[in-house]
Amino acid sequence: MPVAETTIVITNRVGLHARPARLLVQTAAKFQSRIQLQKNDKTANARSFINILKLGVAVGDALHIQAEGEDAEAAIQTLTELIHRKFDEEE
């Protein structure tokens, strides 16, 4: 199974609060790959809204993303772009 991963710093002002977490879950759900998010020693399934919120990701935090599956590279690229766009919240 192909694996892709990256670490990205969260730069939107409020981190992964409800709206960005929902967008991340919706985006992750478009892929067949198993996608995990990790902040320090906490890990969450990228399709679990509650578990993402429990990570407590704030602005400036590094978030490690790992995808495993046939579309792993595409999943990582799409999620990275979403985060770089600051979840389309800021101008």
PDB file of N, CA and C in Angstrom:
ATOM      1  N   MET A   1       0.846  -1.187   0.000  1.00  0.00           N
ATOM      2  CA  MET A   1       0.000   0.000   0.000  1.00  0.00           C
ATOM      3  C   MET A   1       0.888   1.247   0.000  1.00  0.00           C
ATOM      4  N   PRO A   2       0.669   2.153  -0.943  1.00  0.00           N
ATOM      5  CA  PRO A   2       1.446   3.393  -0.956  1.00  0.00           C
ATOM      6  C   PRO A   2       1.178   4.251   0.285  1.00  0.00           C
ATOM      7  N   VAL A   3       2.230   4.888   0.777  1.00  0.00           N
ATOM      8  CA  VAL A   3       2.123   5.775   1.934  1.00  0.00           C
ATOM      9  C   VAL A   3       2.714   7.122   1.559  1.00  0.00           C
ATOM     10  N   ALA A   4       2.038   8.199   1.964  1.00  0.00           N
ATOM     11  CA  ALA A   4       2.542   9.558   1.768  1.00  0.00           C
ATOM     12  C   ALA A   4       2.346  10.296   3.084  1.00  0.00           C
ATOM     13  N   GLU A   5       3.263  11.205   3.367  1.00  0.00           N
ATOM     14  CA  GLU A   5       3.113  11.974   4.597  1.00  0.00           C
ATOM     15  C   GLU A   5       3.807  13.312   4.479  1.00  0.00           C
ATOM     16  N   THR A   6       3.386  14.217   5.331  1.00  0.00           N
ATOM     17  CA  THR A   6       3.969  15.547   5.394  1.00  0.00           C
ATOM     18  C   THR A   6       3.712  16.124   6.782  1.00  0.00           C
ATOM     19  N   THR A   7       4.472  17.144   7.116  1.00  0.00           N
ATOM     20  CA  THR A   7       4.227  17.903   8.332  1.00  0.00           C
ATOM     21  C   THR A   7       4.050  19.346   7.913  1.00  0.00           C
ATOM     22  N   ILE A   8       3.009  19.968   8.418  1.00  0.00           N
ATOM     23  CA  ILE A   8       2.680  21.336   8.022  1.00  0.00           C
ATOM     24  C   ILE A   8       2.315  22.142   9.270  1.00  0.00           C
ATOM     25  N   VAL A   9       2.690  23.405   9.258  1.00  0.00           N
ATOM     26  CA  VAL A   9       2.369  24.289  10.380  1.00  0.00           C
ATOM     27  C   VAL A   9       1.031  24.966  10.090  1.00  0.00           C
ATOM     28  N   ILE A  10       0.165  24.950  11.079  1.00  0.00           N
ATOM     29  CA  ILE A  10      -1.153  25.576  10.951  1.00  0.00           C
ATOM     30  C   ILE A  10      -0.988  27.087  11.084  1.00  0.00           C
ATOM     31  N   THR A  11      -1.469  27.830  10.077  1.00  0.00           N
ATOM     32  CA  THR A  11      -1.259  29.283  10.072  1.00  0.00           C
ATOM     33  C   THR A  11      -2.548  30.101  10.149  1.00  0.00           C
ATOM     34  N   ASN A  12      -3.698  29.426  10.052  1.00  0.00           N
ATOM     35  CA  ASN A  12      -4.923  30.227  10.194  1.00  0.00           C
ATOM     36  C   ASN A  12      -5.060  30.651  11.652  1.00  0.00           C
ATOM     37  N   ARG A  13      -5.684  31.784  11.888  1.00  0.00           N
ATOM     38  CA  ARG A  13      -5.686  32.433  13.203  1.00  0.00           C
ATOM     39  C   ARG A  13      -6.222  31.593  14.347  1.00  0.00           C
ATOM     40  N   VAL A  14      -7.163  30.730  14.087  1.00  0.00           N
ATOM     41  CA  VAL A  14      -7.823  30.019  15.191  1.00  0.00           C
ATOM     42  C   VAL A  14      -7.528  28.530  15.239  1.00  0.00           C
ATOM     43  N   GLY A  15      -6.627  28.053  14.391  1.00  0.00           N
ATOM     44  CA  GLY A  15      -6.294  26.632  14.415  1.00  0.00           C
ATOM     45  C   GLY A  15      -7.428  25.771  13.874  1.00  0.00           C
ATOM     46  N   LEU A  16      -7.507  24.537  14.359  1.00  0.00           N
ATOM     47  CA  LEU A  16      -8.554  23.617  13.883  1.00  0.00           C
ATOM     48  C   LEU A  16      -9.774  23.671  14.797  1.00  0.00           C
ATOM     49  N   HIS A  17     -10.496  24.784  14.727  1.00  0.00           N
ATOM     50  CA  HIS A  17     -11.773  24.872  15.437  1.00  0.00           C
ATOM     51  C   HIS A  17     -12.838  24.198  14.575  1.00  0.00           C
ATOM     52  N   ALA A  18     -14.084  24.374  14.894  1.00  0.00           N
ATOM     53  CA  ALA A  18     -15.165  23.610  14.264  1.00  0.00           C
ATOM     54  C   ALA A  18     -15.209  23.715  12.737  1.00  0.00           C
ATOM     55  N   ARG A  19     -15.185  24.912  12.175  1.00  0.00           N
ATOM     56  CA  ARG A  19     -15.335  25.034  10.726  1.00  0.00           C
ATOM     57  C   ARG A  19     -14.165  24.414   9.966  1.00  0.00           C
ATOM     58  N   PRO A  20     -12.908  24.746  10.306  1.00  0.00           N
ATOM     59  CA  PRO A  20     -11.802  24.105   9.584  1.00  0.00           C
ATOM     60  C   PRO A  20     -11.757  22.592   9.786  1.00  0.00           C
ATOM     61  N   ALA A  21     -12.109  22.133  10.978  1.00  0.00           N
ATOM     62  CA  ALA A  21     -12.127  20.686  11.231  1.00  0.00           C
ATOM     63  C   ALA A  21     -13.169  20.013  10.347  1.00  0.00           C
ATOM     64  N   ARG A  22     -14.323  20.643  10.197  1.00  0.00           N
ATOM     65  CA  ARG A  22     -15.378  20.094   9.335  1.00  0.00           C
ATOM     66  C   ARG A  22     -14.906  20.037   7.881  1.00  0.00           C
ATOM     67  N   LEU A  23     -14.256  21.102   7.411  1.00  0.00           N
ATOM     68  CA  LEU A  23     -13.731  21.117   6.041  1.00  0.00           C
ATOM     69  C   LEU A  23     -12.665  20.047   5.842  1.00  0.00           C
ATOM     70  N   LEU A  24     -11.833  19.840   6.841  1.00  0.00           N
ATOM     71  CA  LEU A  24     -10.803  18.815   6.750  1.00  0.00           C
ATOM     72  C   LEU A  24     -11.437  17.426   6.664  1.00  0.00           C
ATOM     73  N   VAL A  25     -12.448  17.167   7.489  1.00  0.00           N
ATOM     74  CA  VAL A  25     -13.148  15.881   7.466  1.00  0.00           C
ATOM     75  C   VAL A  25     -13.816  15.664   6.105  1.00  0.00           C
ATOM     76  N   GLN A  26     -14.492  16.676   5.600  1.00  0.00           N
ATOM     77  CA  GLN A  26     -15.168  16.557   4.302  1.00  0.00           C
ATOM     78  C   GLN A  26     -14.169  16.302   3.179  1.00  0.00           C
ATOM     79  N   THR A  27     -13.026  16.948   3.244  1.00  0.00           N
ATOM     80  CA  THR A  27     -11.997  16.753   2.217  1.00  0.00           C
ATOM     81  C   THR A  27     -11.394  15.362   2.323  1.00  0.00           C
ATOM     82  N   ALA A  28     -11.081  14.925   3.527  1.00  0.00           N
ATOM     83  CA  ALA A  28     -10.496  13.592   3.733  1.00  0.00           C
ATOM     84  C   ALA A  28     -11.450  12.496   3.270  1.00  0.00           C
ATOM     85  N   ALA A  29     -12.745  12.727   3.429  1.00  0.00           N
ATOM     86  CA  ALA A  29     -13.741  11.719   3.060  1.00  0.00           C
ATOM     87  C   ALA A  29     -13.793  11.474   1.547  1.00  0.00           C
ATOM     88  N   LYS A  30     -13.220  12.352   0.761  1.00  0.00           N
ATOM     89  CA  LYS A  30     -13.223  12.193  -0.691  1.00  0.00           C
ATOM     90  C   LYS A  30     -12.207  11.154  -1.158  1.00  0.00           C
ATOM     91  N   PHE A  31     -11.345  10.723  -0.261  1.00  0.00           N
ATOM     92  CA  PHE A  31     -10.276   9.798  -0.624  1.00  0.00           C
ATOM     93  C   PHE A  31     -10.498   8.431  -0.004  1.00  0.00           C
ATOM     94  N   GLN A  32      -9.999   7.402  -0.670  1.00  0.00           N
ATOM     95  CA  GLN A  32     -10.120   6.045  -0.150  1.00  0.00           C
ATOM     96  C   GLN A  32      -9.043   5.740   0.878  1.00  0.00           C
ATOM     97  N   SER A  33      -7.945   6.478   0.829  1.00  0.00           N
ATOM     98  CA  SER A  33      -6.825   6.223   1.738  1.00  0.00           C
ATOM     99  C   SER A  33      -7.215   6.425   3.196  1.00  0.00           C
ATOM    100  N   ARG A  34      -6.516   5.699   4.051  1.00  0.00           N
ATOM    101  CA  ARG A  34      -6.634   5.891   5.498  1.00  0.00           C
ATOM    102  C   ARG A  34      -5.751   7.081   5.835  1.00  0.00           C
ATOM    103  N   ILE A  35      -6.336   8.131   6.414  1.00  0.00           N
ATOM    104  CA  ILE A  35      -5.606   9.368   6.687  1.00  0.00           C
ATOM    105  C   ILE A  35      -5.596   9.623   8.187  1.00  0.00           C
ATOM    106  N   GLN A  36      -4.393   9.800   8.725  1.00  0.00           N
ATOM    107  CA  GLN A  36      -4.213  10.054  10.154  1.00  0.00           C
ATOM    108  C   GLN A  36      -3.559  11.417  10.343  1.00  0.00           C
ATOM    109  N   LEU A  37      -3.988  12.118  11.378  1.00  0.00           N
ATOM    110  CA  LEU A  37      -3.393  13.392  11.763  1.00  0.00           C
ATOM    111  C   LEU A  37      -2.702  13.189  13.103  1.00  0.00           C
ATOM    112  N   GLN A  38      -1.559  13.831  13.280  1.00  0.00           N
ATOM    113  CA  GLN A  38      -0.853  13.693  14.547  1.00  0.00           C
ATOM    114  C   GLN A  38      -0.311  15.036  14.992  1.00  0.00           C
ATOM    115  N   LYS A  39      -0.573  15.353  16.259  1.00  0.00           N
ATOM    116  CA  LYS A  39       0.000  16.528  16.917  1.00  0.00           C
ATOM    117  C   LYS A  39       0.668  16.012  18.183  1.00  0.00           C
ATOM    118  N   ASN A  40       1.972  16.167  18.249  1.00  0.00           N
ATOM    119  CA  ASN A  40       2.753  15.636  19.365  1.00  0.00           C
ATOM    120  C   ASN A  40       2.467  14.148  19.522  1.00  0.00           C
ATOM    121  N   ASP A  41       1.939  13.728  20.661  1.00  0.00           N
ATOM    122  CA  ASP A  41       1.690  12.299  20.888  1.00  0.00           C
ATOM    123  C   ASP A  41       0.229  11.908  20.665  1.00  0.00           C
ATOM    124  N   LYS A  42      -0.586  12.836  20.172  1.00  0.00           N
ATOM    125  CA  LYS A  42      -2.001  12.549  19.922  1.00  0.00           C
ATOM    126  C   LYS A  42      -2.227  12.283  18.438  1.00  0.00           C
ATOM    127  N   THR A  43      -3.050  11.271  18.148  1.00  0.00           N
ATOM    128  CA  THR A  43      -3.356  10.901  16.772  1.00  0.00           C
ATOM    129  C   THR A  43      -4.867  10.879  16.572  1.00  0.00           C
ATOM    130  N   ALA A  44      -5.314  11.276  15.387  1.00  0.00           N
ATOM    131  CA  ALA A  44      -6.741  11.270  15.073  1.00  0.00           C
ATOM    132  C   ALA A  44      -6.965  10.806  13.642  1.00  0.00           C
ATOM    133  N   ASN A  45      -8.052  10.088  13.448  1.00  0.00           N
ATOM    134  CA  ASN A  45      -8.499   9.733  12.105  1.00  0.00           C
ATOM    135  C   ASN A  45      -9.011  11.021  11.460  1.00  0.00           C
ATOM    136  N   ALA A  46      -8.570  11.301  10.233  1.00  0.00           N
ATOM    137  CA  ALA A  46      -8.955  12.538   9.559  1.00  0.00           C
ATOM    138  C   ALA A  46     -10.437  12.582   9.192  1.00  0.00           C
ATOM    139  N   ARG A  47     -11.136  11.479   9.353  1.00  0.00           N
ATOM    140  CA  ARG A  47     -12.583  11.459   9.078  1.00  0.00           C
ATOM    141  C   ARG A  47     -13.410  11.622  10.357  1.00  0.00           C
ATOM    142  N   SER A  48     -12.738  11.847  11.474  1.00  0.00           N
ATOM    143  CA  SER A  48     -13.445  11.969  12.758  1.00  0.00           C
ATOM    144  C   SER A  48     -13.394  13.412  13.256  1.00  0.00           C
ATOM    145  N   PHE A  49     -14.494  14.101  13.111  1.00  0.00           N
ATOM    146  CA  PHE A  49     -14.600  15.504  13.534  1.00  0.00           C
ATOM    147  C   PHE A  49     -14.228  15.662  15.013  1.00  0.00           C
ATOM    148  N   ILE A  50     -14.804  14.836  15.864  1.00  0.00           N
ATOM    149  CA  ILE A  50     -14.563  14.939  17.309  1.00  0.00           C
ATOM    150  C   ILE A  50     -13.094  14.683  17.635  1.00  0.00           C
ATOM    151  N   ASN A  51     -12.506  13.669  17.031  1.00  0.00           N
ATOM    152  CA  ASN A  51     -11.107  13.361  17.318  1.00  0.00           C
ATOM    153  C   ASN A  51     -10.172  14.461  16.836  1.00  0.00           C
ATOM    154  N   ILE A  52     -10.503  15.107  15.728  1.00  0.00           N
ATOM    155  CA  ILE A  52      -9.694  16.234  15.259  1.00  0.00           C
ATOM    156  C   ILE A  52      -9.765  17.374  16.265  1.00  0.00           C
ATOM    157  N   LEU A  53     -10.955  17.676  16.744  1.00  0.00           N
ATOM    158  CA  LEU A  53     -11.090  18.738  17.747  1.00  0.00           C
ATOM    159  C   LEU A  53     -10.306  18.402  19.016  1.00  0.00           C
ATOM    160  N   LYS A  54     -10.281  17.127  19.394  1.00  0.00           N
ATOM    161  CA  LYS A  54      -9.562  16.699  20.598  1.00  0.00           C
ATOM    162  C   LYS A  54      -8.049  16.870  20.476  1.00  0.00           C
ATOM    163  N   LEU A  55      -7.537  16.961  19.243  1.00  0.00           N
ATOM    164  CA  LEU A  55      -6.100  17.194  19.071  1.00  0.00           C
ATOM    165  C   LEU A  55      -5.689  18.557  19.625  1.00  0.00           C
ATOM    166  N   GLY A  56      -6.628  19.506  19.627  1.00  0.00           N
ATOM    167  CA  GLY A  56      -6.332  20.836  20.159  1.00  0.00           C
ATOM    168  C   GLY A  56      -5.299  21.589  19.330  1.00  0.00           C
ATOM    169  N   VAL A  57      -5.437  21.548  18.022  1.00  0.00           N
ATOM    170  CA  VAL A  57      -4.467  22.186  17.142  1.00  0.00           C
ATOM    171  C   VAL A  57      -4.722  23.695  17.097  1.00  0.00           C
ATOM    172  N   ALA A  58      -3.702  24.459  17.447  1.00  0.00           N
ATOM    173  CA  ALA A  58      -3.790  25.922  17.465  1.00  0.00           C
ATOM    174  C   ALA A  58      -2.855  26.503  16.412  1.00  0.00           C
ATOM    175  N   VAL A  59      -2.976  27.805  16.187  1.00  0.00           N
ATOM    176  CA  VAL A  59      -2.095  28.479  15.234  1.00  0.00           C
ATOM    177  C   VAL A  59      -0.646  28.270  15.673  1.00  0.00           C
ATOM    178  N   GLY A  60       0.204  27.952  14.701  1.00  0.00           N
ATOM    179  CA  GLY A  60       1.616  27.725  14.976  1.00  0.00           C
ATOM    180  C   GLY A  60       1.976  26.288  15.286  1.00  0.00           C
ATOM    181  N   ASP A  61       0.972  25.435  15.505  1.00  0.00           N
ATOM    182  CA  ASP A  61       1.240  24.022  15.784  1.00  0.00           C
ATOM    183  C   ASP A  61       1.611  23.280  14.510  1.00  0.00           C
ATOM    184  N   ALA A  62       2.520  22.319  14.647  1.00  0.00           N
ATOM    185  CA  ALA A  62       2.879  21.451  13.534  1.00  0.00           C
ATOM    186  C   ALA A  62       1.919  20.266  13.524  1.00  0.00           C
ATOM    187  N   LEU A  63       1.372  19.964  12.374  1.00  0.00           N
ATOM    188  CA  LEU A  63       0.442  18.853  12.212  1.00  0.00           C
ATOM    189  C   LEU A  63       1.038  17.873  11.214  1.00  0.00           C
ATOM    190  N   HIS A  64       1.219  16.642  11.641  1.00  0.00           N
ATOM    191  CA  HIS A  64       1.753  15.602  10.765  1.00  0.00           C
ATOM    192  C   HIS A  64       0.566  14.871  10.141  1.00  0.00           C
ATOM    193  N   ILE A  65       0.592  14.727   8.830  1.00  0.00           N
ATOM    194  CA  ILE A  65      -0.484  14.053   8.099  1.00  0.00           C
ATOM    195  C   ILE A  65       0.105  12.845   7.393  1.00  0.00           C
ATOM    196  N   GLN A  66      -0.527  11.702   7.584  1.00  0.00           N
ATOM    197  CA  GLN A  66      -0.081  10.486   6.914  1.00  0.00           C
ATOM    198  C   GLN A  66      -1.274   9.833   6.231  1.00  0.00           C
ATOM    199  N   ALA A  67      -1.086   9.468   4.972  1.00  0.00           N
ATOM    200  CA  ALA A  67      -2.138   8.784   4.210  1.00  0.00           C
ATOM    201  C   ALA A  67      -1.582   7.465   3.711  1.00  0.00           C
ATOM    202  N   GLU A  68      -2.418   6.435   3.782  1.00  0.00           N
ATOM    203  CA  GLU A  68      -2.028   5.113   3.300  1.00  0.00           C
ATOM    204  C   GLU A  68      -3.124   4.588   2.385  1.00  0.00           C
ATOM    205  N   GLY A  69      -2.768   4.349   1.135  1.00  0.00           N
ATOM    206  CA  GLY A  69      -3.737   3.847   0.170  1.00  0.00           C
ATOM    207  C   GLY A  69      -3.363   4.267  -1.236  1.00  0.00           C
ATOM    208  N   GLU A  70      -4.145   3.821  -2.195  1.00  0.00           N
ATOM    209  CA  GLU A  70      -3.847   4.076  -3.602  1.00  0.00           C
ATOM    210  C   GLU A  70      -3.831   5.567  -3.951  1.00  0.00           C
ATOM    211  N   ASP A  71      -4.646   6.376  -3.271  1.00  0.00           N
ATOM    212  CA  ASP A  71      -4.690   7.808  -3.578  1.00  0.00           C
ATOM    213  C   ASP A  71      -4.013   8.641  -2.488  1.00  0.00           C
ATOM    214  N   ALA A  72      -3.024   8.054  -1.815  1.00  0.00           N
ATOM    215  CA  ALA A  72      -2.355   8.717  -0.689  1.00  0.00           C
ATOM    216  C   ALA A  72      -1.702  10.037  -1.096  1.00  0.00           C
ATOM    217  N   GLU A  73      -0.988  10.039  -2.215  1.00  0.00           N
ATOM    218  CA  GLU A  73      -0.307  11.267  -2.660  1.00  0.00           C
ATOM    219  C   GLU A  73      -1.312  12.386  -2.932  1.00  0.00           C
ATOM    220  N   ALA A  74      -2.397  12.052  -3.609  1.00  0.00           N
ATOM    221  CA  ALA A  74      -3.426  13.050  -3.913  1.00  0.00           C
ATOM    222  C   ALA A  74      -4.077  13.567  -2.638  1.00  0.00           C
ATOM    223  N   ALA A  75      -4.302  12.689  -1.684  1.00  0.00           N
ATOM    224  CA  ALA A  75      -4.907  13.094  -0.412  1.00  0.00           C
ATOM    225  C   ALA A  75      -4.005  14.086   0.324  1.00  0.00           C
ATOM    226  N   ILE A  76      -2.720  13.766   0.397  1.00  0.00           N
ATOM    227  CA  ILE A  76      -1.778  14.656   1.078  1.00  0.00           C
ATOM    228  C   ILE A  76      -1.706  16.005   0.369  1.00  0.00           C
ATOM    229  N   GLN A  77      -1.646  15.979  -0.943  1.00  0.00           N
ATOM    230  CA  GLN A  77      -1.567  17.222  -1.708  1.00  0.00           C
ATOM    231  C   GLN A  77      -2.805  18.085  -1.486  1.00  0.00           C
ATOM    232  N   THR A  78      -3.976  17.483  -1.546  1.00  0.00           N
ATOM    233  CA  THR A  78      -5.223  18.233  -1.390  1.00  0.00           C
ATOM    234  C   THR A  78      -5.360  18.809   0.016  1.00  0.00           C
ATOM    235  N   LEU A  79      -5.038  18.011   1.037  1.00  0.00           N
ATOM    236  CA  LEU A  79      -5.133  18.497   2.415  1.00  0.00           C
ATOM    237  C   LEU A  79      -4.104  19.595   2.682  1.00  0.00           C
ATOM    238  N   THR A  80      -2.920  19.449   2.128  1.00  0.00           N
ATOM    239  CA  THR A  80      -1.889  20.478   2.285  1.00  0.00           C
ATOM    240  C   THR A  80      -2.341  21.792   1.655  1.00  0.00           C
ATOM    241  N   GLU A  81      -2.937  21.716   0.468  1.00  0.00           N
ATOM    242  CA  GLU A  81      -3.441  22.920  -0.189  1.00  0.00           C
ATOM    243  C   GLU A  81      -4.536  23.584   0.643  1.00  0.00           C
ATOM    244  N   LEU A  82      -5.425  22.794   1.214  1.00  0.00           N
ATOM    245  CA  LEU A  82      -6.495  23.326   2.061  1.00  0.00           C
ATOM    246  C   LEU A  82      -5.914  24.089   3.250  1.00  0.00           C
ATOM    247  N   ILE A  83      -4.899  23.514   3.881  1.00  0.00           N
ATOM    248  CA  ILE A  83      -4.272  24.153   5.042  1.00  0.00           C
ATOM    249  C   ILE A  83      -3.521  25.411   4.619  1.00  0.00           C
ATOM    250  N   HIS A  84      -2.806  25.361   3.487  1.00  0.00           N
ATOM    251  CA  HIS A  84      -2.102  26.545   2.991  1.00  0.00           C
ATOM    252  C   HIS A  84      -3.068  27.676   2.658  1.00  0.00           C
ATOM    253  N   ARG A  85      -4.275  27.328   2.228  1.00  0.00           N
ATOM    254  CA  ARG A  85      -5.304  28.338   1.921  1.00  0.00           C
ATOM    255  C   ARG A  85      -5.983  28.836   3.193  1.00  0.00           C
ATOM    256  N   LYS A  86      -5.512  28.376   4.334  1.00  0.00           N
ATOM    257  CA  LYS A  86      -6.067  28.738   5.644  1.00  0.00           C
ATOM    258  C   LYS A  86      -7.552  28.423   5.709  1.00  0.00           C
ATOM    259  N   PHE A  87      -7.924  27.286   5.096  1.00  0.00           N
ATOM    260  CA  PHE A  87      -9.302  26.787   5.111  1.00  0.00           C
ATOM    261  C   PHE A  87     -10.265  27.803   4.517  1.00  0.00           C
ATOM    262  N   ASP A  88      -9.745  28.653   3.627  1.00  0.00           N
ATOM    263  CA  ASP A  88     -10.539  29.686   2.948  1.00  0.00           C
ATOM    264  C   ASP A  88     -11.237  30.632   3.919  1.00  0.00           C
ATOM    265  N   GLU A  89     -10.659  30.805   5.099  1.00  0.00           N
ATOM    266  CA  GLU A  89     -11.264  31.689   6.103  1.00  0.00           C
ATOM    267  C   GLU A  89     -10.713  33.107   6.077  1.00  0.00           C
ATOM    268  N   GLU A  90      -9.486  33.256   5.614  1.00  0.00           N
ATOM    269  CA  GLU A  90      -8.837  34.559   5.700  1.00  0.00           C
ATOM    270  C   GLU A  90      -8.543  35.092   4.321  1.00  0.00           C
ATOM    271  N   GLU A  91      -8.455  36.397   4.230  1.00  0.00           N
ATOM    272  CA  GLU A  91      -8.178  37.016   2.944  1.00  0.00           C
ATOM    273  C   GLU A  91      -6.710  37.267   2.795  1.00  0.00           C
TER     274      GLU A  91
END
